C-alpha cells in the first residue's frame, strides 16, 4: 500500500539509526508487541487487544504519561494486518511494523526499551526501487519497509514519431528496435539515479518482459541486484499492490541470504578460535572493550531480557547486530571481534 500523509506524520522507527537513538534515551520505557488485525477479521478489535497489553504495562509500573502517549498512538495507527511494536517514554511514542517474522505478544517496562524485534526487522534493510516498464516508458516507485511511494515516471520516444512514410516493414522494425533500445537506456538511467540517491541495493522490474530484459542490460548488476517479476503491466490498476508484495518478498530473501553468509562467517571464526567469541559473559566483555564488530543474537532468546542491553551497547560502540535462528552458540549469544587479545 502507499504511504498516506497521516502515516507519514506518525513517529515511526524506520531504520537502525532510529533504534540506536531510542536505545540511547533515558528510561523508563514502556514497550508492547501486539497484533493489529485489519477490519473484518476475527478478533479485529485492536482496542480490546490494546487494553490487555495496557493492563500488563500498568501492572509492570508504566508511567501514566507513557500510557497516554501509547493510547494516542494505538488510536492513530492504521489497522493493516501486521504485528506492531510500540514503545514510549515520558516524552513521545513510536512504533515499528513487524512483518518479517512471527513475534509473540509482549508488555515490558524497564530502563532499556525492548527493541530487539524492531532491530531484527530493520537491520540490513535499504529502500527498493521498483519500475513498471514497457517500450514507451516506466512508472517508478520506492519501497521503504512496507510502503510503496511513487517517485516519478519516464516517458520515452514513441516509435510512430520515427516512422518514415513509405518505408519497408523491415526498415520500420529496425527503427522501432532502435527506439525501444534507447527508451530502455533512458529508463535505466533514471532507475540508477534514484537507486544511488536512496542507497538501494535491489531493483525490481515488472511489465513488458522484453523491455525489462533490455532495461536490465543497461543497469549495473554489479552495483544492484536486479530482479524481474511477473506482477502486471503499466496502467493495470492492481499492479502497484502486486509489485509491492513481490518487492517485499525479494527484499526479505536478499536479507536472509546476507544474514546466512554472516552466520557462516561467525561459525568459521569460532571454529578457528580466531575472532569469534560466544556466550553472554564473553560477548559482554568484548563489547565493553569496544572490540566487537558484529554481535549475533539467537531469535529464540526471550524478549525483554538483557539481550537488548547487548544489542544497545554494540550499536552505541559502532558495531552491528545480526539476529538469526539456530545459531547453536552458548547462551544464544556470540560475536565477531575486530582483534584478538592474548
C-alpha atoms as a PDB file:
ATOM      1  CA  UNK A   1       0.000   0.000   0.000  1.00  0.00           C
ATOM      2  CA  UNK A   2       1.085   3.572  -0.498  1.00  0.00           C
ATOM      3  CA  UNK A   3       2.011   5.710   2.472  1.00  0.00           C
ATOM      4  CA  UNK A   4      -0.602   8.304   3.376  1.00  0.00           C
ATOM      5  CA  UNK A   5       0.137  11.792   4.709  1.00  0.00           C
ATOM      6  CA  UNK A   6      -1.312  10.822   8.103  1.00  0.00           C
ATOM      7  CA  UNK A   7       1.003   7.807   8.266  1.00  0.00           C
ATOM      8  CA  UNK A   8       3.994   9.986   7.447  1.00  0.00           C
ATOM      9  CA  UNK A   9       3.114  12.281  10.347  1.00  0.00           C
ATOM     10  CA  UNK A  10       3.393   9.470  12.912  1.00  0.00           C
ATOM     11  CA  UNK A  11       6.677   8.795  14.672  1.00  0.00           C
ATOM     12  CA  UNK A  12       7.881   5.522  13.127  1.00  0.00           C
ATOM     13  CA  UNK A  13      11.108   3.592  13.592  1.00  0.00           C
ATOM     14  CA  UNK A  14      12.341   3.253  10.019  1.00  0.00           C
ATOM     15  CA  UNK A  15      15.996   2.270  10.377  1.00  0.00           C
ATOM     16  CA  UNK A  16      18.747   1.146  12.717  1.00  0.00           C
ATOM     17  CA  UNK A  17      19.685   4.774  13.440  1.00  0.00           C
ATOM     18  CA  UNK A  18      16.206   5.297  14.885  1.00  0.00           C
ATOM     19  CA  UNK A  19      16.633   2.223  17.090  1.00  0.00           C
ATOM     20  CA  UNK A  20      20.042   3.459  18.284  1.00  0.00           C
ATOM     21  CA  UNK A  21      18.565   6.850  19.138  1.00  0.00           C
ATOM     22  CA  UNK A  22      15.770   5.207  21.090  1.00  0.00           C
ATOM     23  CA  UNK A  23      18.172   2.921  22.942  1.00  0.00           C
ATOM     24  CA  UNK A  24      20.173   5.982  23.962  1.00  0.00           C
ATOM     25  CA  UNK A  25      17.275   7.760  25.672  1.00  0.00           C
ATOM     26  CA  UNK A  26      16.831   7.650  29.450  1.00  0.00           C
ATOM     27  CA  UNK A  27      14.035   5.478  30.770  1.00  0.00           C
ATOM     28  CA  UNK A  28      11.782   4.193  31.953  1.00  0.00           C
ATOM     29  CA  UNK A  29      10.368   2.848  28.683  1.00  0.00           C
ATOM     30  CA  UNK A  30       7.068   1.026  28.151  1.00  0.00           C
ATOM     31  CA  UNK A  31       7.102  -1.389  25.194  1.00  0.00           C
ATOM     32  CA  UNK A  32       4.399  -3.638  23.766  1.00  0.00           C
ATOM     33  CA  UNK A  33       4.130  -6.028  20.822  1.00  0.00           C
ATOM     34  CA  UNK A  34       0.630  -6.827  19.592  1.00  0.00           C
ATOM     35  CA  UNK A  35      -1.354  -7.817  16.519  1.00  0.00           C
ATOM     36  CA  UNK A  36      -3.237  -5.194  14.516  1.00  0.00           C
ATOM     37  CA  UNK A  37      -5.774  -7.257  12.503  1.00  0.00           C
ATOM     38  CA  UNK A  38      -7.498  -5.460   9.628  1.00  0.00           C
ATOM     39  CA  UNK A  39     -11.224  -4.698   9.960  1.00  0.00           C
ATOM     40  CA  UNK A  40     -13.475  -7.659   9.186  1.00  0.00           C
ATOM     41  CA  UNK A  41     -11.192 -10.345  10.576  1.00  0.00           C
ATOM     42  CA  UNK A  42     -11.978 -12.329  13.697  1.00  0.00           C
ATOM     43  CA  UNK A  43     -10.647 -10.505  16.747  1.00  0.00           C
ATOM     44  CA  UNK A  44     -10.252  -7.285  14.767  1.00  0.00           C
ATOM     45  CA  UNK A  45     -10.981  -5.004  17.742  1.00  0.00           C
ATOM     46  CA  UNK A  46      -7.493  -3.663  18.303  1.00  0.00           C
ATOM     47  CA  UNK A  47      -8.641  -1.621  21.283  1.00  0.00           C
ATOM     48  CA  UNK A  48      -9.583  -4.803  23.147  1.00  0.00           C
ATOM     49  CA  UNK A  49      -6.126  -6.207  22.387  1.00  0.00           C
ATOM     50  CA  UNK A  50      -4.524  -2.943  23.435  1.00  0.00           C
ATOM     51  CA  UNK A  51      -6.330  -2.819  26.783  1.00  0.00           C
ATOM     52  CA  UNK A  52      -4.984  -6.295  27.616  1.00  0.00           C
ATOM     53  CA  UNK A  53      -1.409  -5.143  26.929  1.00  0.00           C
ATOM     54  CA  UNK A  54      -2.073  -1.821  28.659  1.00  0.00           C
ATOM     55  CA  UNK A  55      -3.175  -3.576  31.843  1.00  0.00           C
ATOM     56  CA  UNK A  56       0.055  -5.562  31.794  1.00  0.00           C
ATOM     57  CA  UNK A  57       2.046  -2.330  31.451  1.00  0.00           C
ATOM     58  CA  UNK A  58       0.184  -0.806  34.381  1.00  0.00           C
ATOM     59  CA  UNK A  59       0.966  -3.865  36.496  1.00  0.00           C
ATOM     60  CA  UNK A  60       4.639  -3.521  35.481  1.00  0.00           C
ATOM     61  CA  UNK A  61       4.723   0.102  36.692  1.00  0.00           C
ATOM     62  CA  UNK A  62       4.473   2.064  33.422  1.00  0.00           C
ATOM     63  CA  UNK A  63       4.284   5.845  33.837  1.00  0.00           C
ATOM     64  CA  UNK A  64       0.905   7.485  33.218  1.00  0.00           C
ATOM     65  CA  UNK A  65       2.424   9.824  30.611  1.00  0.00           C
ATOM     66  CA  UNK A  66       3.866   6.901  28.612  1.00  0.00           C
ATOM     67  CA  UNK A  67       0.498   5.129  28.744  1.00  0.00           C
ATOM     68  CA  UNK A  68      -1.292   8.243  27.485  1.00  0.00           C
ATOM     69  CA  UNK A  69       1.144   8.537  24.578  1.00  0.00           C
ATOM     70  CA  UNK A  70       0.631   4.877  23.688  1.00  0.00           C
ATOM     71  CA  UNK A  71      -3.155   5.319  23.886  1.00  0.00           C
ATOM     72  CA  UNK A  72      -2.952   8.083  21.294  1.00  0.00           C
ATOM     73  CA  UNK A  73      -0.610   6.125  19.044  1.00  0.00           C
ATOM     74  CA  UNK A  74      -2.756   2.980  19.071  1.00  0.00           C
ATOM     75  CA  UNK A  75      -5.782   5.083  18.182  1.00  0.00           C
ATOM     76  CA  UNK A  76      -3.953   6.763  15.290  1.00  0.00           C
ATOM     77  CA  UNK A  77      -2.362   3.711  13.688  1.00  0.00           C
ATOM     78  CA  UNK A  78      -3.937   2.127  10.636  1.00  0.00           C
ATOM     79  CA  UNK A  79      -5.038  -1.497  11.282  1.00  0.00           C
ATOM     80  CA  UNK A  80      -3.073  -3.029   8.426  1.00  0.00           C
ATOM     81  CA  UNK A  81      -2.990  -6.667   9.499  1.00  0.00           C
ATOM     82  CA  UNK A  82       0.578  -6.725  10.790  1.00  0.00           C
ATOM     83  CA  UNK A  83       2.177  -7.183  14.169  1.00  0.00           C
ATOM     84  CA  UNK A  84       3.382  -3.889  15.628  1.00  0.00           C
ATOM     85  CA  UNK A  85       5.903  -2.890  18.269  1.00  0.00           C
ATOM     86  CA  UNK A  86       5.064   0.280  20.191  1.00  0.00           C
ATOM     87  CA  UNK A  87       7.304   1.958  22.732  1.00  0.00           C
ATOM     88  CA  UNK A  88       7.057   5.153  24.761  1.00  0.00           C
ATOM     89  CA  UNK A  89       8.899   7.109  27.413  1.00  0.00           C
ATOM     90  CA  UNK A  90       7.529  10.242  29.057  1.00  0.00           C
ATOM     91  CA  UNK A  91       8.377  12.377  26.002  1.00  0.00           C
ATOM     92  CA  UNK A  92       6.885  10.614  22.992  1.00  0.00           C
ATOM     93  CA  UNK A  93       5.856   7.280  21.497  1.00  0.00           C
ATOM     94  CA  UNK A  94       6.993   5.463  18.375  1.00  0.00           C
ATOM     95  CA  UNK A  95       6.267   2.218  16.539  1.00  0.00           C
ATOM     96  CA  UNK A  96       7.609  -0.339  14.077  1.00  0.00           C
ATOM     97  CA  UNK A  97       5.636  -2.774  11.929  1.00  0.00           C
ATOM     98  CA  UNK A  98       6.942  -6.343  12.246  1.00  0.00           C
ATOM     99  CA  UNK A  99       6.345  -8.354   9.077  1.00  0.00           C
ATOM    100  CA  UNK A 100       9.469 -10.466   8.566  1.00  0.00           C
ATOM    101  CA  UNK A 101       8.940 -12.980  11.364  1.00  0.00           C
ATOM    102  CA  UNK A 102       6.261 -14.232  13.716  1.00  0.00           C
ATOM    103  CA  UNK A 103       6.663 -12.381  17.017  1.00  0.00           C
ATOM    104  CA  UNK A 104       4.636 -13.131  20.129  1.00  0.00           C
ATOM    105  CA  UNK A 105       2.881 -10.553  22.322  1.00  0.00           C
ATOM    106  CA  UNK A 106       4.930  -8.554  24.807  1.00  0.00           C
ATOM    107  CA  UNK A 107       4.423  -5.973  27.533  1.00  0.00           C
ATOM    108  CA  UNK A 108       7.611  -4.655  29.151  1.00  0.00           C
ATOM    109  CA  UNK A 109       8.667  -1.747  31.340  1.00  0.00           C
ATOM    110  CA  UNK A 110      12.325  -1.041  32.014  1.00  0.00           C
ATOM    111  CA  UNK A 111      15.259   1.340  31.818  1.00  0.00           C
ATOM    112  CA  UNK A 112      16.075  -0.040  28.330  1.00  0.00           C
ATOM    113  CA  UNK A 113      13.327  -0.344  25.719  1.00  0.00           C
ATOM    114  CA  UNK A 114      12.683  -3.868  24.399  1.00  0.00           C
ATOM    115  CA  UNK A 115      13.527  -3.123  20.753  1.00  0.00           C
ATOM    116  CA  UNK A 116      15.211  -6.336  19.617  1.00  0.00           C
ATOM    117  CA  UNK A 117      12.247  -7.290  17.403  1.00  0.00           C
ATOM    118  CA  UNK A 118      12.390  -3.871  15.719  1.00  0.00           C
ATOM    119  CA  UNK A 119      16.148  -4.164  15.265  1.00  0.00           C
ATOM    120  CA  UNK A 120      15.638  -7.593  13.693  1.00  0.00           C
ATOM    121  CA  UNK A 121      13.083  -6.080  11.317  1.00  0.00           C
ATOM    122  CA  UNK A 122      15.113  -3.039  10.293  1.00  0.00           C
ATOM    123  CA  UNK A 123      18.732  -4.271  10.274  1.00  0.00           C
ATOM    124  CA  UNK A 124      20.414  -4.501   6.863  1.00  0.00           C
ATOM    125  CA  UNK A 125      17.354  -3.002   5.210  1.00  0.00           C
ATOM    126  CA  UNK A 126      17.574  -0.460   2.413  1.00  0.00           C
ATOM    127  CA  UNK A 127      14.996   1.038   0.029  1.00  0.00           C
ATOM    128  CA  UNK A 128      13.975  -0.891  -3.076  1.00  0.00           C
ATOM    129  CA  UNK A 129      13.474   0.790  -6.448  1.00  0.00           C
ATOM    130  CA  UNK A 130      10.540  -0.645  -8.408  1.00  0.00           C
ATOM    131  CA  UNK A 131       9.913   0.029 -12.091  1.00  0.00           C
ATOM    132  CA  UNK A 132       6.881  -0.980 -14.156  1.00  0.00           C
ATOM    133  CA  UNK A 133       8.170  -0.807 -17.714  1.00  0.00           C
ATOM    134  CA  UNK A 134       7.058  -1.091 -21.310  1.00  0.00           C
ATOM    135  CA  UNK A 135       8.507   0.011 -24.657  1.00  0.00           C
ATOM    136  CA  UNK A 136       7.402   3.608 -24.182  1.00  0.00           C
ATOM    137  CA  UNK A 137       8.430   4.360 -20.620  1.00  0.00           C
ATOM    138  CA  UNK A 138       8.080   3.392 -16.979  1.00  0.00           C
ATOM    139  CA  UNK A 139       6.434   4.195 -13.685  1.00  0.00           C
ATOM    140  CA  UNK A 140       8.965   4.368 -10.842  1.00  0.00           C
ATOM    141  CA  UNK A 141       8.368   3.644  -7.154  1.00  0.00           C
ATOM    142  CA  UNK A 142      10.393   3.348  -3.987  1.00  0.00           C
ATOM    143  CA  UNK A 143       9.621   0.696  -1.370  1.00  0.00           C
ATOM    144  CA  UNK A 144      10.555   1.872   2.113  1.00  0.00           C
ATOM    145  CA  UNK A 145       9.977  -1.013   4.549  1.00  0.00           C
ATOM    146  CA  UNK A 146       6.311  -1.835   3.779  1.00  0.00           C
ATOM    147  CA  UNK A 147       5.077   1.207   1.856  1.00  0.00           C
ATOM    148  CA  UNK A 148       5.357   1.979  -1.839  1.00  0.00           C
ATOM    149  CA  UNK A 149       5.740   5.621  -2.857  1.00  0.00           C
ATOM    150  CA  UNK A 150       5.611   6.908  -6.436  1.00  0.00           C
ATOM    151  CA  UNK A 151       8.823   8.729  -7.274  1.00  0.00           C
ATOM    152  CA  UNK A 152       8.327   9.581 -10.941  1.00  0.00           C
ATOM    153  CA  UNK A 153       7.760   8.335 -14.448  1.00  0.00           C
ATOM    154  CA  UNK A 154       9.832   8.017 -17.581  1.00  0.00           C
ATOM    155  CA  UNK A 155       8.383   8.996 -20.943  1.00  0.00           C
ATOM    156  CA  UNK A 156      10.330   7.535 -23.821  1.00  0.00           C
ATOM    157  CA  UNK A 157      10.107   8.175 -27.540  1.00  0.00           C
ATOM    158  CA  UNK A 158       7.133   6.801 -29.456  1.00  0.00           C
ATOM    159  CA  UNK A 159       8.035   4.698 -32.443  1.00  0.00           C
ATOM    160  CA  UNK A 160       5.483   6.456 -34.645  1.00  0.00           C
ATOM    161  CA  UNK A 161       7.479   9.675 -34.417  1.00  0.00           C
ATOM    162  CA  UNK A 162      10.386   7.873 -36.062  1.00  0.00           C
ATOM    163  CA  UNK A 163       8.488   6.056 -38.813  1.00  0.00           C
ATOM    164  CA  UNK A 164       9.160   7.346 -42.303  1.00  0.00           C
ATOM    165  CA  UNK A 165       6.255   7.349 -44.693  1.00  0.00           C
ATOM    166  CA  UNK A 166       6.608   4.666 -47.322  1.00  0.00           C
ATOM    167  CA  UNK A 167       9.367   2.753 -45.509  1.00  0.00           C
ATOM    168  CA  UNK A 168       9.505  -1.010 -45.817  1.00  0.00           C
ATOM    169  CA  UNK A 169       8.412  -3.201 -42.912  1.00  0.00           C
ATOM    170  CA  UNK A 170      11.930  -4.469 -42.170  1.00  0.00           C
ATOM    171  CA  UNK A 171      13.273  -0.928 -42.067  1.00  0.00           C
ATOM    172  CA  UNK A 172      10.451   0.160 -39.796  1.00  0.00           C
ATOM    173  CA  UNK A 173      11.181  -2.765 -37.455  1.00  0.00           C
ATOM    174  CA  UNK A 174      14.842  -1.783 -37.250  1.00  0.00           C
ATOM    175  CA  UNK A 175      13.912   1.786 -36.405  1.00  0.00           C
ATOM    176  CA  UNK A 176      11.402   0.567 -33.797  1.00  0.00           C
ATOM    177  CA  UNK A 177      14.030  -1.626 -32.154  1.00  0.00           C
ATOM    178  CA  UNK A 178      16.415   1.330 -32.007  1.00  0.00           C
ATOM    179  CA  UNK A 179      13.742   3.475 -30.328  1.00  0.00           C
ATOM    180  CA  UNK A 180      12.899   0.757 -27.791  1.00  0.00           C
ATOM    181  CA  UNK A 181      16.580   0.269 -27.002  1.00  0.00           C
ATOM    182  CA  UNK A 182      17.026   3.992 -26.490  1.00  0.00           C
ATOM    183  CA  UNK A 183      13.991   4.049 -24.199  1.00  0.00           C
ATOM    184  CA  UNK A 184      15.432   1.165 -22.178  1.00  0.00           C
ATOM    185  CA  UNK A 185      18.635   3.133 -21.692  1.00  0.00           C
ATOM    186  CA  UNK A 186      16.665   6.211 -20.577  1.00  0.00           C
ATOM    187  CA  UNK A 187      14.675   4.126 -18.081  1.00  0.00           C
ATOM    188  CA  UNK A 188      17.849   2.506 -16.729  1.00  0.00           C
ATOM    189  CA  UNK A 189      19.493   5.900 -16.250  1.00  0.00           C
ATOM    190  CA  UNK A 190      16.514   7.147 -14.219  1.00  0.00           C
ATOM    191  CA  UNK A 191      16.426   3.973 -12.130  1.00  0.00           C
ATOM    192  CA  UNK A 192      20.143   4.266 -11.405  1.00  0.00           C
ATOM    193  CA  UNK A 193      19.807   7.905 -10.381  1.00  0.00           C
ATOM    194  CA  UNK A 194      17.021   7.094  -7.908  1.00  0.00           C
ATOM    195  CA  UNK A 195      18.771   3.970  -6.612  1.00  0.00           C
ATOM    196  CA  UNK A 196      22.029   5.797  -5.920  1.00  0.00           C
ATOM    197  CA  UNK A 197      20.211   8.662  -4.192  1.00  0.00           C
ATOM    198  CA  UNK A 198      18.188   6.259  -1.996  1.00  0.00           C
ATOM    199  CA  UNK A 199      21.068   3.886  -1.256  1.00  0.00           C
ATOM    200  CA  UNK A 200      19.121   0.983  -2.763  1.00  0.00           C
ATOM    201  CA  UNK A 201      20.693  -2.407  -3.339  1.00  0.00           C
ATOM    202  CA  UNK A 202      17.712  -4.048  -5.033  1.00  0.00           C
ATOM    203  CA  UNK A 203      15.865  -3.063  -8.211  1.00  0.00           C
ATOM    204  CA  UNK A 204      12.634  -4.865  -9.118  1.00  0.00           C
ATOM    205  CA  UNK A 205      11.316  -4.708 -12.682  1.00  0.00           C
ATOM    206  CA  UNK A 206       7.914  -5.775 -13.954  1.00  0.00           C
ATOM    207  CA  UNK A 207       5.782  -5.102 -17.018  1.00  0.00           C
ATOM    208  CA  UNK A 208       6.811  -5.956 -20.566  1.00  0.00           C
ATOM    209  CA  UNK A 209       9.276  -8.857 -20.385  1.00  0.00           C
ATOM    210  CA  UNK A 210      11.282  -7.834 -23.415  1.00  0.00           C
ATOM    211  CA  UNK A 211      11.674  -4.225 -22.289  1.00  0.00           C
ATOM    212  CA  UNK A 212      12.502  -5.349 -18.735  1.00  0.00           C
ATOM    213  CA  UNK A 213      15.292  -7.506 -20.146  1.00  0.00           C
ATOM    214  CA  UNK A 214      16.567  -4.555 -22.200  1.00  0.00           C
ATOM    215  CA  UNK A 215      16.499  -2.283 -19.129  1.00  0.00           C
ATOM    216  CA  UNK A 216      18.409  -4.918 -17.143  1.00  0.00           C
ATOM    217  CA  UNK A 217      21.109  -4.936 -19.840  1.00  0.00           C
ATOM    218  CA  UNK A 218      21.612  -1.202 -19.227  1.00  0.00           C
ATOM    219  CA  UNK A 219      21.782  -1.476 -15.417  1.00  0.00           C
ATOM    220  CA  UNK A 220      24.959  -2.127 -13.445  1.00  0.00           C
ATOM    221  CA  UNK A 221      24.095  -5.539 -11.996  1.00  0.00           C
ATOM    222  CA  UNK A 222      27.338  -5.495 -10.006  1.00  0.00           C
ATOM    223  CA  UNK A 223      26.022  -2.443  -8.196  1.00  0.00           C
ATOM    224  CA  UNK A 224      22.407  -3.563  -7.696  1.00  0.00           C
ATOM    225  CA  UNK A 225      20.615  -6.874  -7.523  1.00  0.00           C
ATOM    226  CA  UNK A 226      18.175  -6.619 -10.449  1.00  0.00           C
ATOM    227  CA  UNK A 227      15.166  -8.955 -10.384  1.00  0.00           C
ATOM    228  CA  UNK A 228      12.396  -9.243 -12.988  1.00  0.00           C
ATOM    229  CA  UNK A 229       8.965 -10.370 -11.812  1.00  0.00           C
ATOM    230  CA  UNK A 230       5.559 -11.078 -13.303  1.00  0.00           C
ATOM    231  CA  UNK A 231       3.381  -8.621 -11.405  1.00  0.00           C
ATOM    232  CA  UNK A 232       1.445  -6.856 -14.161  1.00  0.00           C
ATOM    233  CA  UNK A 233       1.707  -4.138 -16.767  1.00  0.00           C
ATOM    234  CA  UNK A 234       1.704  -0.347 -16.739  1.00  0.00           C
ATOM    235  CA  UNK A 235      -1.735   1.195 -16.263  1.00  0.00           C
ATOM    236  CA  UNK A 236      -3.017  -2.003 -14.596  1.00  0.00           C
ATOM    237  CA  UNK A 237      -4.872  -0.621 -11.539  1.00  0.00           C
ATOM    238  CA  UNK A 238      -3.722  -3.522  -9.333  1.00  0.00           C
ATOM    239  CA  UNK A 239      -0.093  -3.761 -10.399  1.00  0.00           C
ATOM    240  CA  UNK A 240       1.263  -1.462  -7.678  1.00  0.00           C
ATOM    241  CA  UNK A 241      -0.008  -3.652  -4.837  1.00  0.00           C
ATOM    242  CA  UNK A 242       1.187  -6.861  -6.519  1.00  0.00           C
ATOM    243  CA  UNK A 243       4.657  -5.475  -7.158  1.00  0.00           C
ATOM    244  CA  UNK A 244       4.798  -4.070  -3.601  1.00  0.00           C
ATOM    245  CA  UNK A 245       4.254  -7.551  -2.179  1.00  0.00           C
ATOM    246  CA  UNK A 246       6.727  -9.076  -4.619  1.00  0.00           C
ATOM    247  CA  UNK A 247       9.372  -6.484  -3.755  1.00  0.00           C
ATOM    248  CA  UNK A 248       8.881  -7.094  -0.017  1.00  0.00           C
ATOM    249  CA  UNK A 249       9.393 -10.831  -0.535  1.00  0.00           C
ATOM    250  CA  UNK A 250      12.501 -10.330  -2.664  1.00  0.00           C
ATOM    251  CA  UNK A 251      13.973  -7.860  -0.178  1.00  0.00           C
ATOM    252  CA  UNK A 252      13.412 -10.348   2.648  1.00  0.00           C
ATOM    253  CA  UNK A 253      15.034 -13.117   0.570  1.00  0.00           C
ATOM    254  CA  UNK A 254      18.113 -10.964  -0.093  1.00  0.00           C
ATOM    255  CA  UNK A 255      18.430 -10.021   3.580  1.00  0.00           C
ATOM    256  CA  UNK A 256      18.119 -13.657   4.658  1.00  0.00           C
ATOM    257  CA  UNK A 257      20.871 -14.583   2.218  1.00  0.00           C
ATOM    258  CA  UNK A 258      23.198 -11.915   3.613  1.00  0.00           C
ATOM    259  CA  UNK A 259      22.328 -12.965   7.170  1.00  0.00           C
ATOM    260  CA  UNK A 260      23.155 -16.599   6.388  1.00  0.00           C
ATOM    261  CA  UNK A 261      26.511 -15.504   4.969  1.00  0.00           C
ATOM    262  CA  UNK A 262      27.240 -13.557   8.159  1.00  0.00           C
ATOM    263  CA  UNK A 263      26.357 -16.562  10.335  1.00  0.00           C
ATOM    264  CA  UNK A 264      28.634 -18.789   8.232  1.00  0.00           C
ATOM    265  CA  UNK A 265      31.440 -16.286   8.828  1.00  0.00           C
ATOM    266  CA  UNK A 266      30.783 -16.412  12.575  1.00  0.00           C
ATOM    267  CA  UNK A 267      30.997 -20.212  12.580  1.00  0.00           C
ATOM    268  CA  UNK A 268      34.277 -20.086  10.667  1.00  0.00           C
ATOM    269  CA  UNK A 269      35.759 -17.683  13.214  1.00  0.00           C
ATOM    270  CA  UNK A 270      34.509 -19.771  16.131  1.00  0.00           C
ATOM    271  CA  UNK A 271      35.915 -22.912  14.515  1.00  0.00           C
ATOM    272  CA  UNK A 272      39.331 -21.314  14.011  1.00  0.00           C
ATOM    273  CA  UNK A 273      39.307 -19.893  17.568  1.00  0.00           C
ATOM    274  CA  UNK A 274      40.352 -16.615  15.985  1.00  0.00           C
ATOM    275  CA  UNK A 275      37.991 -13.661  16.023  1.00  0.00           C
ATOM    276  CA  UNK A 276      34.865 -15.406  17.301  1.00  0.00           C
ATOM    277  CA  UNK A 277      33.615 -15.397  20.901  1.00  0.00           C
ATOM    278  CA  UNK A 278      30.471 -16.944  22.308  1.00  0.00           C
ATOM    279  CA  UNK A 279      28.443 -16.824  25.493  1.00  0.00           C
ATOM    280  CA  UNK A 280      26.803 -13.885  27.204  1.00  0.00           C
ATOM    281  CA  UNK A 281      29.700 -13.081  29.553  1.00  0.00           C
ATOM    282  CA  UNK A 282      32.439 -13.255  26.910  1.00  0.00           C
ATOM    283  CA  UNK A 283      30.411 -11.216  24.441  1.00  0.00           C
ATOM    284  CA  UNK A 284      29.550  -8.572  27.038  1.00  0.00           C
ATOM    285  CA  UNK A 285      33.220  -8.265  27.993  1.00  0.00           C
ATOM    286  CA  UNK A 286      34.260  -7.815  24.363  1.00  0.00           C
ATOM    287  CA  UNK A 287      31.555  -5.182  23.840  1.00  0.00           C
ATOM    288  CA  UNK A 288      32.749  -3.297  26.929  1.00  0.00           C
ATOM    289  CA  UNK A 289      36.265  -3.269  25.448  1.00  0.00           C
ATOM    290  CA  UNK A 290      34.887  -1.833  22.155  1.00  0.00           C
ATOM    291  CA  UNK A 291      36.256  -4.847  20.275  1.00  0.00           C
ATOM    292  CA  UNK A 292      33.007  -6.167  18.787  1.00  0.00           C
ATOM    293  CA  UNK A 293      32.374  -5.722  15.086  1.00  0.00           C
ATOM    294  CA  UNK A 294      29.158  -7.782  14.997  1.00  0.00           C
ATOM    295  CA  UNK A 295      27.045  -9.255  17.781  1.00  0.00           C
ATOM    296  CA  UNK A 296      24.912 -12.294  16.941  1.00  0.00           C
ATOM    297  CA  UNK A 297      21.725 -12.967  18.906  1.00  0.00           C
ATOM    298  CA  UNK A 298      19.574 -16.063  18.547  1.00  0.00           C
ATOM    299  CA  UNK A 299      15.989 -15.222  17.698  1.00  0.00           C
ATOM    300  CA  UNK A 300      14.791 -17.774  20.277  1.00  0.00           C
ATOM    301  CA  UNK A 301      16.216 -15.649  23.101  1.00  0.00           C
ATOM    302  CA  UNK A 302      13.269 -14.452  25.223  1.00  0.00           C
ATOM    303  CA  UNK A 303      12.391 -10.783  24.582  1.00  0.00           C
ATOM    304  CA  UNK A 304      12.875  -8.085  27.199  1.00  0.00           C
ATOM    305  CA  UNK A 305      15.972  -9.699  28.715  1.00  0.00           C
ATOM    306  CA  UNK A 306      19.433  -8.155  28.977  1.00  0.00           C
ATOM    307  CA  UNK A 307      19.864  -9.183  25.332  1.00  0.00           C
ATOM    308  CA  UNK A 308      18.575  -5.694  24.473  1.00  0.00           C
ATOM    309  CA  UNK A 309      21.433  -4.280  26.545  1.00  0.00           C
ATOM    310  CA  UNK A 310      23.945  -6.261  24.489  1.00  0.00           C
ATOM    311  CA  UNK A 311      22.354  -5.012  21.274  1.00  0.00           C
ATOM    312  CA  UNK A 312      22.232  -1.442  22.556  1.00  0.00           C
ATOM    313  CA  UNK A 313      25.860  -1.363  23.673  1.00  0.00           C
ATOM    314  CA  UNK A 314      27.063  -2.989  20.444  1.00  0.00           C
ATOM    315  CA  UNK A 315      25.321  -0.310  18.386  1.00  0.00           C
ATOM    316  CA  UNK A 316      26.432   2.554  20.606  1.00  0.00           C
ATOM    317  CA  UNK A 317      30.059   1.377  20.255  1.00  0.00           C
ATOM    318  CA  UNK A 318      29.734   1.349  16.447  1.00  0.00           C
ATOM    319  CA  UNK A 319      29.135  -2.361  15.869  1.00  0.00           C
ATOM    320  CA  UNK A 320      26.321  -4.146  14.046  1.00  0.00           C
ATOM    321  CA  UNK A 321      23.801  -6.704  15.268  1.00  0.00           C
ATOM    322  CA  UNK A 322      22.572  -9.832  13.486  1.00  0.00           C
ATOM    323  CA  UNK A 323      19.519 -11.681  14.802  1.00  0.00           C
ATOM    324  CA  UNK A 324      19.188 -15.204  13.412  1.00  0.00           C
ATOM    325  CA  UNK A 325      17.698 -18.629  14.036  1.00  0.00           C
ATOM    326  CA  UNK A 326      19.554 -21.663  15.381  1.00  0.00           C
ATOM    327  CA  UNK A 327      22.949 -20.094  15.995  1.00  0.00           C
ATOM    328  CA  UNK A 328      23.982 -23.059  18.120  1.00  0.00           C
ATOM    329  CA  UNK A 329      26.161 -20.939  20.422  1.00  0.00           C
ATOM    330  CA  UNK A 330      26.390 -20.671  24.200  1.00  0.00           C
ATOM    331  CA  UNK A 331      23.509 -18.632  25.674  1.00  0.00           C
ATOM    332  CA  UNK A 332      22.358 -17.840  22.143  1.00  0.00           C
ATOM    333  CA  UNK A 333      24.908 -15.003  22.047  1.00  0.00           C
ATOM    334  CA  UNK A 334      28.158 -14.661  20.097  1.00  0.00           C
ATOM    335  CA  UNK A 335      30.288 -12.034  18.392  1.00  0.00           C
ATOM    336  CA  UNK A 336      32.965 -11.435  15.803  1.00  0.00           C
ATOM    337  CA  UNK A 337      35.576  -9.113  17.285  1.00  0.00           C
ATOM    338  CA  UNK A 338      37.813  -6.643  15.499  1.00  0.00           C
ATOM    339  CA  UNK A 339      41.009  -8.017  17.010  1.00  0.00           C
ATOM    340  CA  UNK A 340      42.009 -10.845  19.309  1.00  0.00           C
ATOM    341  CA  UNK A 341      43.529 -10.471  22.749  1.00  0.00           C
ATOM    342  CA  UNK A 342      46.220 -12.530  24.396  1.00  0.00           C
END
